Amino acid sequence: LNVWATWCPTCYGEHTYLKQLAGQGIPIVGMNYKDERDKAIKWLAELGNPYQVNLYDPDGMLGLDLGVYGAPETFFIDSQGIIRYRHVGDVNPEVWASTLKPIFDAMK
């Protein structure tokens, strides 16, 4: 689950890499956080959509339940719905290779 928003410059920076991961078959669910829906739809139309599903959390209540305090944040959630890992900050090639990919592979 990748928490993102159009107002978040770091989210913009990680977006291209998320599209690369999605292109490699990595399943990504998005959560548009405390944002304006029209802006989010335009963002995805213009920049591409790496998300299999994109949730909308306009008031941040789902984010509050998850403990989100900003964007971007990425959660690894297993098939039982248990959060196995939380990453605060952008997903980039270095973070993916050193931290996230080993966790993802172990969850398969």
PDB file of N, CA and C in Angstrom:
ATOM      1  N   LEU A   1       0.868  -1.174   0.000  1.00  0.00           N
ATOM      2  CA  LEU A   1       0.000   0.000   0.000  1.00  0.00           C
ATOM      3  C   LEU A   1       0.904   1.223   0.000  1.00  0.00           C
ATOM      4  N   ASN A   2       0.799   2.014  -1.055  1.00  0.00           N
ATOM      5  CA  ASN A   2       1.609   3.223  -1.172  1.00  0.00           C
ATOM      6  C   ASN A   2       0.728   4.441  -0.923  1.00  0.00           C
ATOM      7  N   VAL A   3       1.062   5.210   0.110  1.00  0.00           N
ATOM      8  CA  VAL A   3       0.323   6.410   0.472  1.00  0.00           C
ATOM      9  C   VAL A   3       0.940   7.579  -0.292  1.00  0.00           C
ATOM     10  N   TRP A   4       0.110   8.289  -1.062  1.00  0.00           N
ATOM     11  CA  TRP A   4       0.622   9.359  -1.913  1.00  0.00           C
ATOM     12  C   TRP A   4      -0.377  10.506  -1.981  1.00  0.00           C
ATOM     13  N   ALA A   5       0.100  11.648  -2.486  1.00  0.00           N
ATOM     14  CA  ALA A   5      -0.755  12.814  -2.682  1.00  0.00           C
ATOM     15  C   ALA A   5      -0.141  13.721  -3.737  1.00  0.00           C
ATOM     16  N   THR A   6      -0.991  14.465  -4.410  1.00  0.00           N
ATOM     17  CA  THR A   6      -0.496  15.386  -5.430  1.00  0.00           C
ATOM     18  C   THR A   6       0.260  16.558  -4.826  1.00  0.00           C
ATOM     19  N   TRP A   7       0.006  16.887  -3.576  1.00  0.00           N
ATOM     20  CA  TRP A   7       0.675  18.004  -2.908  1.00  0.00           C
ATOM     21  C   TRP A   7       2.067  17.613  -2.385  1.00  0.00           C
ATOM     22  N   CYS A   8       2.434  16.369  -2.554  1.00  0.00           N
ATOM     23  CA  CYS A   8       3.671  15.820  -1.988  1.00  0.00           C
ATOM     24  C   CYS A   8       4.771  15.755  -3.054  1.00  0.00           C
ATOM     25  N   PRO A   9       5.803  16.611  -2.967  1.00  0.00           N
ATOM     26  CA  PRO A   9       6.863  16.580  -3.978  1.00  0.00           C
ATOM     27  C   PRO A   9       7.652  15.271  -3.977  1.00  0.00           C
ATOM     28  N   THR A  10       7.796  14.649  -2.834  1.00  0.00           N
ATOM     29  CA  THR A  10       8.520  13.372  -2.777  1.00  0.00           C
ATOM     30  C   THR A  10       7.720  12.279  -3.479  1.00  0.00           C
ATOM     31  N   CYS A  11       6.400  12.350  -3.382  1.00  0.00           N
ATOM     32  CA  CYS A  11       5.548  11.389  -4.096  1.00  0.00           C
ATOM     33  C   CYS A  11       5.743  11.519  -5.604  1.00  0.00           C
ATOM     34  N   TYR A  12       5.842  12.750  -6.058  1.00  0.00           N
ATOM     35  CA  TYR A  12       6.097  12.994  -7.477  1.00  0.00           C
ATOM     36  C   TYR A  12       7.429  12.357  -7.875  1.00  0.00           C
ATOM     37  N   GLY A  13       8.419  12.516  -7.018  1.00  0.00           N
ATOM     38  CA  GLY A  13       9.741  11.969  -7.303  1.00  0.00           C
ATOM     39  C   GLY A  13       9.772  10.454  -7.366  1.00  0.00           C
ATOM     40  N   GLU A  14       8.964   9.777  -6.563  1.00  0.00           N
ATOM     41  CA  GLU A  14       8.985   8.310  -6.551  1.00  0.00           C
ATOM     42  C   GLU A  14       8.060   7.694  -7.595  1.00  0.00           C
ATOM     43  N   HIS A  15       7.197   8.485  -8.183  1.00  0.00           N
ATOM     44  CA  HIS A  15       6.150   7.957  -9.058  1.00  0.00           C
ATOM     45  C   HIS A  15       6.703   7.168 -10.249  1.00  0.00           C
ATOM     46  N   THR A  16       7.727   7.679 -10.887  1.00  0.00           N
ATOM     47  CA  THR A  16       8.317   6.987 -12.043  1.00  0.00           C
ATOM     48  C   THR A  16       8.841   5.616 -11.636  1.00  0.00           C
ATOM     49  N   TYR A  17       9.467   5.532 -10.474  1.00  0.00           N
ATOM     50  CA  TYR A  17       9.990   4.234 -10.045  1.00  0.00           C
ATOM     51  C   TYR A  17       8.858   3.269  -9.687  1.00  0.00           C
ATOM     52  N   LEU A  18       7.789   3.774  -9.106  1.00  0.00           N
ATOM     53  CA  LEU A  18       6.636   2.906  -8.826  1.00  0.00           C
ATOM     54  C   LEU A  18       6.073   2.328 -10.119  1.00  0.00           C
ATOM     55  N   LYS A  19       6.046   3.126 -11.179  1.00  0.00           N
ATOM     56  CA  LYS A  19       5.592   2.614 -12.477  1.00  0.00           C
ATOM     57  C   LYS A  19       6.524   1.515 -12.983  1.00  0.00           C
ATOM     58  N   GLN A  20       7.821   1.668 -12.765  1.00  0.00           N
ATOM     59  CA  GLN A  20       8.772   0.624 -13.166  1.00  0.00           C
ATOM     60  C   GLN A  20       8.505  -0.667 -12.397  1.00  0.00           C
ATOM     61  N   LEU A  21       8.295  -0.546 -11.081  1.00  0.00           N
ATOM     62  CA  LEU A  21       8.010  -1.733 -10.280  1.00  0.00           C
ATOM     63  C   LEU A  21       6.720  -2.406 -10.736  1.00  0.00           C
ATOM     64  N   ALA A  22       5.695  -1.614 -10.975  1.00  0.00           N
ATOM     65  CA  ALA A  22       4.423  -2.172 -11.444  1.00  0.00           C
ATOM     66  C   ALA A  22       4.621  -2.878 -12.786  1.00  0.00           C
ATOM     67  N   GLY A  23       5.445  -2.308 -13.649  1.00  0.00           N
ATOM     68  CA  GLY A  23       5.748  -2.928 -14.939  1.00  0.00           C
ATOM     69  C   GLY A  23       6.474  -4.253 -14.813  1.00  0.00           C
ATOM     70  N   GLN A  24       7.132  -4.466 -13.674  1.00  0.00           N
ATOM     71  CA  GLN A  24       7.823  -5.730 -13.403  1.00  0.00           C
ATOM     72  C   GLN A  24       6.909  -6.731 -12.693  1.00  0.00           C
ATOM     73  N   GLY A  25       5.646  -6.365 -12.532  1.00  0.00           N
ATOM     74  CA  GLY A  25       4.690  -7.272 -11.906  1.00  0.00           C
ATOM     75  C   GLY A  25       4.557  -7.136 -10.403  1.00  0.00           C
ATOM     76  N   ILE A  26       5.150  -6.110  -9.822  1.00  0.00           N
ATOM     77  CA  ILE A  26       5.006  -5.872  -8.381  1.00  0.00           C
ATOM     78  C   ILE A  26       3.625  -5.258  -8.154  1.00  0.00           C
ATOM     79  N   PRO A  27       2.770  -5.909  -7.375  1.00  0.00           N
ATOM     80  CA  PRO A  27       1.427  -5.362  -7.156  1.00  0.00           C
ATOM     81  C   PRO A  27       1.473  -4.191  -6.167  1.00  0.00           C
ATOM     82  N   ILE A  28       0.892  -3.071  -6.573  1.00  0.00           N
ATOM     83  CA  ILE A  28       0.888  -1.875  -5.726  1.00  0.00           C
ATOM     84  C   ILE A  28      -0.550  -1.364  -5.614  1.00  0.00           C
ATOM     85  N   VAL A  29      -0.984  -1.180  -4.398  1.00  0.00           N
ATOM     86  CA  VAL A  29      -2.261  -0.529  -4.123  1.00  0.00           C
ATOM     87  C   VAL A  29      -1.924   0.879  -3.661  1.00  0.00           C
ATOM     88  N   GLY A  30      -2.611   1.848  -4.203  1.00  0.00           N
ATOM     89  CA  GLY A  30      -2.375   3.232  -3.821  1.00  0.00           C
ATOM     90  C   GLY A  30      -3.422   3.709  -2.827  1.00  0.00           C
ATOM     91  N   MET A  31      -3.037   4.696  -2.028  1.00  0.00           N
ATOM     92  CA  MET A  31      -3.994   5.384  -1.181  1.00  0.00           C
ATOM     93  C   MET A  31      -3.727   6.880  -1.317  1.00  0.00           C
ATOM     94  N   ASN A  32      -4.634   7.542  -2.012  1.00  0.00           N
ATOM     95  CA  ASN A  32      -4.538   8.981  -2.207  1.00  0.00           C
ATOM     96  C   ASN A  32      -4.976   9.655  -0.908  1.00  0.00           C
ATOM     97  N   TYR A  33      -4.044  10.353  -0.279  1.00  0.00           N
ATOM     98  CA  TYR A  33      -4.151  10.798   1.111  1.00  0.00           C
ATOM     99  C   TYR A  33      -4.358  12.300   1.225  1.00  0.00           C
ATOM    100  N   LYS A  34      -5.442  12.699   1.879  1.00  0.00           N
ATOM    101  CA  LYS A  34      -5.732  14.115   2.155  1.00  0.00           C
ATOM    102  C   LYS A  34      -5.528  14.987   0.916  1.00  0.00           C
ATOM    103  N   ASP A  35      -6.205  14.616  -0.143  1.00  0.00           N
ATOM    104  CA  ASP A  35      -5.984  15.241  -1.435  1.00  0.00           C
ATOM    105  C   ASP A  35      -7.323  15.625  -2.052  1.00  0.00           C
ATOM    106  N   GLU A  36      -7.265  16.330  -3.152  1.00  0.00           N
ATOM    107  CA  GLU A  36      -8.444  16.653  -3.939  1.00  0.00           C
ATOM    108  C   GLU A  36      -8.568  15.617  -5.045  1.00  0.00           C
ATOM    109  N   ARG A  37      -9.703  14.959  -5.104  1.00  0.00           N
ATOM    110  CA  ARG A  37      -9.889  13.839  -6.026  1.00  0.00           C
ATOM    111  C   ARG A  37      -9.632  14.228  -7.477  1.00  0.00           C
ATOM    112  N   ASP A  38     -10.121  15.396  -7.897  1.00  0.00           N
ATOM    113  CA  ASP A  38      -9.911  15.824  -9.282  1.00  0.00           C
ATOM    114  C   ASP A  38      -8.431  15.944  -9.615  1.00  0.00           C
ATOM    115  N   LYS A  39      -7.657  16.488  -8.684  1.00  0.00           N
ATOM    116  CA  LYS A  39      -6.214  16.613  -8.906  1.00  0.00           C
ATOM    117  C   LYS A  39      -5.558  15.235  -9.000  1.00  0.00           C
ATOM    118  N   ALA A  40      -6.002  14.310  -8.151  1.00  0.00           N
ATOM    119  CA  ALA A  40      -5.432  12.958  -8.154  1.00  0.00           C
ATOM    120  C   ALA A  40      -5.728  12.234  -9.462  1.00  0.00           C
ATOM    121  N   ILE A  41      -6.955  12.365  -9.942  1.00  0.00           N
ATOM    122  CA  ILE A  41      -7.324  11.712 -11.207  1.00  0.00           C
ATOM    123  C   ILE A  41      -6.505  12.293 -12.357  1.00  0.00           C
ATOM    124  N   LYS A  42      -6.334  13.603 -12.367  1.00  0.00           N
ATOM    125  CA  LYS A  42      -5.531  14.252 -13.409  1.00  0.00           C
ATOM    126  C   LYS A  42      -4.069  13.797 -13.330  1.00  0.00           C
ATOM    127  N   TRP A  43      -3.525  13.726 -12.112  1.00  0.00           N
ATOM    128  CA  TRP A  43      -2.146  13.279 -11.878  1.00  0.00           C
ATOM    129  C   TRP A  43      -1.927  11.906 -12.507  1.00  0.00           C
ATOM    130  N   LEU A  44      -2.812  10.960 -12.196  1.00  0.00           N
ATOM    131  CA  LEU A  44      -2.666   9.595 -12.698  1.00  0.00           C
ATOM    132  C   LEU A  44      -2.841   9.539 -14.216  1.00  0.00           C
ATOM    133  N   ALA A  45      -3.741  10.358 -14.757  1.00  0.00           N
ATOM    134  CA  ALA A  45      -3.937  10.390 -16.207  1.00  0.00           C
ATOM    135  C   ALA A  45      -2.703  10.931 -16.919  1.00  0.00           C
ATOM    136  N   GLU A  46      -2.077  11.929 -16.321  1.00  0.00           N
ATOM    137  CA  GLU A  46      -0.910  12.553 -16.954  1.00  0.00           C
ATOM    138  C   GLU A  46       0.382  11.779 -16.724  1.00  0.00           C
ATOM    139  N   LEU A  47       0.570  11.255 -15.518  1.00  0.00           N
ATOM    140  CA  LEU A  47       1.846  10.619 -15.164  1.00  0.00           C
ATOM    141  C   LEU A  47       1.835   9.104 -15.297  1.00  0.00           C
ATOM    142  N   GLY A  48       0.672   8.520 -15.465  1.00  0.00           N
ATOM    143  CA  GLY A  48       0.550   7.064 -15.513  1.00  0.00           C
ATOM    144  C   GLY A  48       0.126   6.543 -14.154  1.00  0.00           C
ATOM    145  N   ASN A  49      -0.474   5.376 -14.173  1.00  0.00           N
ATOM    146  CA  ASN A  49      -1.042   4.808 -12.956  1.00  0.00           C
ATOM    147  C   ASN A  49      -0.367   3.475 -12.606  1.00  0.00           C
ATOM    148  N   PRO A  50       0.475   3.454 -11.583  1.00  0.00           N
ATOM    149  CA  PRO A  50       1.136   2.204 -11.204  1.00  0.00           C
ATOM    150  C   PRO A  50       0.277   1.312 -10.296  1.00  0.00           C
ATOM    151  N   TYR A  51      -0.895   1.783  -9.920  1.00  0.00           N
ATOM    152  CA  TYR A  51      -1.693   1.114  -8.889  1.00  0.00           C
ATOM    153  C   TYR A  51      -2.716   0.155  -9.486  1.00  0.00           C
ATOM    154  N   GLN A  52      -2.815  -1.034  -8.895  1.00  0.00           N
ATOM    155  CA  GLN A  52      -3.853  -1.976  -9.292  1.00  0.00           C
ATOM    156  C   GLN A  52      -5.210  -1.466  -8.837  1.00  0.00           C
ATOM    157  N   VAL A  53      -5.222  -0.868  -7.662  1.00  0.00           N
ATOM    158  CA  VAL A  53      -6.396  -0.251  -7.062  1.00  0.00           C
ATOM    159  C   VAL A  53      -5.899   1.016  -6.386  1.00  0.00           C
ATOM    160  N   ASN A  54      -6.723   2.035  -6.396  1.00  0.00           N
ATOM    161  CA  ASN A  54      -6.335   3.264  -5.723  1.00  0.00           C
ATOM    162  C   ASN A  54      -7.456   3.683  -4.782  1.00  0.00           C
ATOM    163  N   LEU A  55      -7.180   3.675  -3.489  1.00  0.00           N
ATOM    164  CA  LEU A  55      -8.135   4.094  -2.477  1.00  0.00           C
ATOM    165  C   LEU A  55      -8.079   5.606  -2.336  1.00  0.00           C
ATOM    166  N   TYR A  56      -9.158   6.177  -1.861  1.00  0.00           N
ATOM    167  CA  TYR A  56      -9.212   7.625  -1.672  1.00  0.00           C
ATOM    168  C   TYR A  56      -9.516   7.905  -0.206  1.00  0.00           C
ATOM    169  N   ASP A  57      -8.625   8.638   0.438  1.00  0.00           N
ATOM    170  CA  ASP A  57      -8.735   8.961   1.860  1.00  0.00           C
ATOM    171  C   ASP A  57      -8.725  10.481   2.021  1.00  0.00           C
ATOM    172  N   PRO A  58      -9.837  11.148   1.679  1.00  0.00           N
ATOM    173  CA  PRO A  58      -9.833  12.610   1.623  1.00  0.00           C
ATOM    174  C   PRO A  58      -9.620  13.294   2.960  1.00  0.00           C
ATOM    175  N   ASP A  59     -10.095  12.697   4.021  1.00  0.00           N
ATOM    176  CA  ASP A  59      -9.963  13.333   5.330  1.00  0.00           C
ATOM    177  C   ASP A  59      -8.863  12.706   6.190  1.00  0.00           C
ATOM    178  N   GLY A  60      -8.184  11.707   5.662  1.00  0.00           N
ATOM    179  CA  GLY A  60      -7.067  11.091   6.377  1.00  0.00           C
ATOM    180  C   GLY A  60      -7.454  10.110   7.464  1.00  0.00           C
ATOM    181  N   MET A  61      -8.712   9.703   7.519  1.00  0.00           N
ATOM    182  CA  MET A  61      -9.146   8.806   8.594  1.00  0.00           C
ATOM    183  C   MET A  61      -8.564   7.398   8.449  1.00  0.00           C
ATOM    184  N   LEU A  62      -8.506   6.874   7.217  1.00  0.00           N
ATOM    185  CA  LEU A  62      -7.864   5.573   7.019  1.00  0.00           C
ATOM    186  C   LEU A  62      -6.382   5.682   7.354  1.00  0.00           C
ATOM    187  N   GLY A  63      -5.767   6.759   6.906  1.00  0.00           N
ATOM    188  CA  GLY A  63      -4.367   6.998   7.241  1.00  0.00           C
ATOM    189  C   GLY A  63      -4.148   7.063   8.741  1.00  0.00           C
ATOM    190  N   LEU A  64      -5.055   7.710   9.446  1.00  0.00           N
ATOM    191  CA  LEU A  64      -4.962   7.785  10.902  1.00  0.00           C
ATOM    192  C   LEU A  64      -5.002   6.383  11.512  1.00  0.00           C
ATOM    193  N   ASP A  65      -5.899   5.547  11.016  1.00  0.00           N
ATOM    194  CA  ASP A  65      -5.984   4.167  11.503  1.00  0.00           C
ATOM    195  C   ASP A  65      -4.692   3.390  11.258  1.00  0.00           C
ATOM    196  N   LEU A  66      -4.004   3.717  10.167  1.00  0.00           N
ATOM    197  CA  LEU A  66      -2.749   3.033   9.832  1.00  0.00           C
ATOM    198  C   LEU A  66      -1.533   3.655  10.518  1.00  0.00           C
ATOM    199  N   GLY A  67      -1.703   4.828  11.114  1.00  0.00           N
ATOM    200  CA  GLY A  67      -0.582   5.517  11.745  1.00  0.00           C
ATOM    201  C   GLY A  67       0.199   6.394  10.790  1.00  0.00           C
ATOM    202  N   VAL A  68      -0.378   6.709   9.646  1.00  0.00           N
ATOM    203  CA  VAL A  68       0.281   7.569   8.667  1.00  0.00           C
ATOM    204  C   VAL A  68       0.393   8.978   9.241  1.00  0.00           C
ATOM    205  N   TYR A  69       1.562   9.568   9.074  1.00  0.00           N
ATOM    206  CA  TYR A  69       1.724  10.958   9.475  1.00  0.00           C
ATOM    207  C   TYR A  69       2.249  11.824   8.350  1.00  0.00           C
ATOM    208  N   GLY A  70       2.326  11.273   7.169  1.00  0.00           N
ATOM    209  CA  GLY A  70       2.771  12.033   6.018  1.00  0.00           C
ATOM    210  C   GLY A  70       2.785  11.159   4.788  1.00  0.00           C
ATOM    211  N   ALA A  71       3.221  11.730   3.716  1.00  0.00           N
ATOM    212  CA  ALA A  71       3.337  10.977   2.475  1.00  0.00           C
ATOM    213  C   ALA A  71       4.698  11.299   1.870  1.00  0.00           C
ATOM    214  N   PRO A  72       5.309  10.353   1.221  1.00  0.00           N
ATOM    215  CA  PRO A  72       4.845   8.996   0.993  1.00  0.00           C
ATOM    216  C   PRO A  72       5.201   8.058   2.148  1.00  0.00           C
ATOM    217  N   GLU A  73       4.376   7.077   2.293  1.00  0.00           N
ATOM    218  CA  GLU A  73       4.648   5.940   3.167  1.00  0.00           C
ATOM    219  C   GLU A  73       4.205   4.698   2.412  1.00  0.00           C
ATOM    220  N   THR A  74       4.900   3.611   2.641  1.00  0.00           N
ATOM    221  CA  THR A  74       4.576   2.358   1.971  1.00  0.00           C
ATOM    222  C   THR A  74       4.496   1.251   3.005  1.00  0.00           C
ATOM    223  N   PHE A  75       3.431   0.479   2.907  1.00  0.00           N
ATOM    224  CA  PHE A  75       3.187  -0.636   3.814  1.00  0.00           C
ATOM    225  C   PHE A  75       3.198  -1.936   3.024  1.00  0.00           C
ATOM    226  N   PHE A  76       3.836  -2.958   3.579  1.00  0.00           N
ATOM    227  CA  PHE A  76       3.739  -4.301   3.034  1.00  0.00           C
ATOM    228  C   PHE A  76       2.718  -5.040   3.874  1.00  0.00           C
ATOM    229  N   ILE A  77       1.659  -5.483   3.230  1.00  0.00           N
ATOM    230  CA  ILE A  77       0.545  -6.133   3.910  1.00  0.00           C
ATOM    231  C   ILE A  77       0.415  -7.541   3.348  1.00  0.00           C
ATOM    232  N   ASP A  78       0.381  -8.532   4.226  1.00  0.00           N
ATOM    233  CA  ASP A  78       0.321  -9.916   3.750  1.00  0.00           C
ATOM    234  C   ASP A  78      -1.104 -10.314   3.363  1.00  0.00           C
ATOM    235  N   SER A  79      -1.262 -11.559   2.902  1.00  0.00           N
ATOM    236  CA  SER A  79      -2.561 -12.036   2.424  1.00  0.00           C
ATOM    237  C   SER A  79      -3.596 -12.148   3.535  1.00  0.00           C
ATOM    238  N   GLN A  80      -3.157 -12.083   4.780  1.00  0.00           N
ATOM    239  CA  GLN A  80      -4.075 -12.117   5.920  1.00  0.00           C
ATOM    240  C   GLN A  80      -4.461 -10.705   6.380  1.00  0.00           C
ATOM    241  N   GLY A  81      -3.904  -9.691   5.706  1.00  0.00           N
ATOM    242  CA  GLY A  81      -4.204  -8.309   6.059  1.00  0.00           C
ATOM    243  C   GLY A  81      -3.331  -7.756   7.173  1.00  0.00           C
ATOM    244  N   ILE A  82      -2.243  -8.446   7.477  1.00  0.00           N
ATOM    245  CA  ILE A  82      -1.335  -8.019   8.543  1.00  0.00           C
ATOM    246  C   ILE A  82      -0.219  -7.164   7.941  1.00  0.00           C
ATOM    247  N   ILE A  83      -0.008  -5.996   8.524  1.00  0.00           N
ATOM    248  CA  ILE A  83       1.085  -5.138   8.081  1.00  0.00           C
ATOM    249  C   ILE A  83       2.395  -5.771   8.529  1.00  0.00           C
ATOM    250  N   ARG A  84       3.231  -6.101   7.568  1.00  0.00           N
ATOM    251  CA  ARG A  84       4.520  -6.747   7.847  1.00  0.00           C
ATOM    252  C   ARG A  84       5.690  -5.773   7.860  1.00  0.00           C
ATOM    253  N   TYR A  85       5.515  -4.632   7.200  1.00  0.00           N
ATOM    254  CA  TYR A  85       6.604  -3.657   7.182  1.00  0.00           C
ATOM    255  C   TYR A  85       6.038  -2.299   6.785  1.00  0.00           C
ATOM    256  N   ARG A  86       6.619  -1.263   7.358  1.00  0.00           N
ATOM    257  CA  ARG A  86       6.241   0.114   7.039  1.00  0.00           C
ATOM    258  C   ARG A  86       7.507   0.883   6.678  1.00  0.00           C
ATOM    259  N   HIS A  87       7.457   1.536   5.539  1.00  0.00           N
ATOM    260  CA  HIS A  87       8.578   2.363   5.092  1.00  0.00           C
ATOM    261  C   HIS A  87       8.105   3.802   4.988  1.00  0.00           C
ATOM    262  N   VAL A  88       8.775   4.697   5.675  1.00  0.00           N
ATOM    263  CA  VAL A  88       8.471   6.121   5.610  1.00  0.00           C
ATOM    264  C   VAL A  88       9.470   6.761   4.659  1.00  0.00           C
ATOM    265  N   GLY A  89       8.964   7.464   3.661  1.00  0.00           N
ATOM    266  CA  GLY A  89       9.828   8.087   2.667  1.00  0.00           C
ATOM    267  C   GLY A  89       9.603   7.468   1.305  1.00  0.00           C
ATOM    268  N   ASP A  90      10.395   7.915   0.359  1.00  0.00           N
ATOM    269  CA  ASP A  90      10.183   7.463  -1.016  1.00  0.00           C
ATOM    270  C   ASP A  90      10.735   6.071  -1.253  1.00  0.00           C
ATOM    271  N   VAL A  91      10.118   5.417  -2.217  1.00  0.00           N
ATOM    272  CA  VAL A  91      10.617   4.146  -2.728  1.00  0.00           C
ATOM    273  C   VAL A  91      11.463   4.498  -3.943  1.00  0.00           C
ATOM    274  N   ASN A  92      12.722   4.114  -3.894  1.00  0.00           N
ATOM    275  CA  ASN A  92      13.651   4.386  -4.986  1.00  0.00           C
ATOM    276  C   ASN A  92      14.480   3.122  -5.215  1.00  0.00           C
ATOM    277  N   PRO A  93      15.289   3.073  -6.255  1.00  0.00           N
ATOM    278  CA  PRO A  93      16.037   1.849  -6.547  1.00  0.00           C
ATOM    279  C   PRO A  93      16.900   1.360  -5.383  1.00  0.00           C
ATOM    280  N   GLU A  94      17.541   2.263  -4.670  1.00  0.00           N
ATOM    281  CA  GLU A  94      18.405   1.858  -3.552  1.00  0.00           C
ATOM    282  C   GLU A  94      17.588   1.258  -2.408  1.00  0.00           C
ATOM    283  N   VAL A  95      16.508   1.935  -2.028  1.00  0.00           N
ATOM    284  CA  VAL A  95      15.647   1.440  -0.943  1.00  0.00           C
ATOM    285  C   VAL A  95      15.014   0.114  -1.340  1.00  0.00           C
ATOM    286  N   TRP A  96      14.578   0.007  -2.597  1.00  0.00           N
ATOM    287  CA  TRP A  96      13.975  -1.239  -3.052  1.00  0.00           C
ATOM    288  C   TRP A  96      14.981  -2.391  -2.944  1.00  0.00           C
ATOM    289  N   ALA A  97      16.181  -2.200  -3.487  1.00  0.00           N
ATOM    290  CA  ALA A  97      17.172  -3.278  -3.518  1.00  0.00           C
ATOM    291  C   ALA A  97      17.658  -3.655  -2.124  1.00  0.00           C
ATOM    292  N   SER A  98      17.906  -2.664  -1.287  1.00  0.00           N
ATOM    293  CA  SER A  98      18.530  -2.948   0.010  1.00  0.00           C
ATOM    294  C   SER A  98      17.539  -3.365   1.087  1.00  0.00           C
ATOM    295  N   THR A  99      16.322  -2.866   1.026  1.00  0.00           N
ATOM    296  CA  THR A  99      15.379  -3.088   2.127  1.00  0.00           C
ATOM    297  C   THR A  99      14.083  -3.751   1.688  1.00  0.00           C
ATOM    298  N   LEU A 100      13.404  -3.162   0.726  1.00  0.00           N
ATOM    299  CA  LEU A 100      12.042  -3.586   0.416  1.00  0.00           C
ATOM    300  C   LEU A 100      11.957  -4.886  -0.370  1.00  0.00           C
ATOM    301  N   LYS A 101      12.810  -5.081  -1.361  1.00  0.00           N
ATOM    302  CA  LYS A 101      12.733  -6.302  -2.169  1.00  0.00           C
ATOM    303  C   LYS A 101      12.953  -7.559  -1.326  1.00  0.00           C
ATOM    304  N   PRO A 102      13.939  -7.584  -0.422  1.00  0.00           N
ATOM    305  CA  PRO A 102      14.084  -8.789   0.416  1.00  0.00           C
ATOM    306  C   PRO A 102      12.829  -9.091   1.254  1.00  0.00           C
ATOM    307  N   ILE A 103      12.186  -8.058   1.746  1.00  0.00           N
ATOM    308  CA  ILE A 103      10.951  -8.253   2.520  1.00  0.00           C
ATOM    309  C   ILE A 103       9.844  -8.756   1.611  1.00  0.00           C
ATOM    310  N   PHE A 104       9.721  -8.131   0.446  1.00  0.00           N
ATOM    311  CA  PHE A 104       8.706  -8.555  -0.532  1.00  0.00           C
ATOM    312  C   PHE A 104       8.917 -10.016  -0.914  1.00  0.00           C
ATOM    313  N   ASP A 105      10.150 -10.384  -1.228  1.00  0.00           N
ATOM    314  CA  ASP A 105      10.445 -11.763  -1.622  1.00  0.00           C
ATOM    315  C   ASP A 105      10.130 -12.754  -0.507  1.00  0.00           C
ATOM    316  N   ALA A 106      10.377 -12.377   0.724  1.00  0.00           N
ATOM    317  CA  ALA A 106      10.114 -13.266   1.863  1.00  0.00           C
ATOM    318  C   ALA A 106       8.619 -13.452   2.091  1.00  0.00           C
ATOM    319  N   MET A 107       7.813 -12.529   1.632  1.00  0.00           N
ATOM    320  CA  MET A 107       6.370 -12.611   1.830  1.00  0.00           C
ATOM    321  C   MET A 107       5.683 -13.491   0.769  1.00  0.00           C
ATOM    322  N   LYS A 108       6.369 -13.820  -0.286  1.00  0.00           N
ATOM    323  CA  LYS A 108       5.757 -14.616  -1.380  1.00  0.00           C
ATOM    324  C   LYS A 108       5.403 -15.999  -0.903  1.00  0.00           C
TER     325      LYS A 108
END
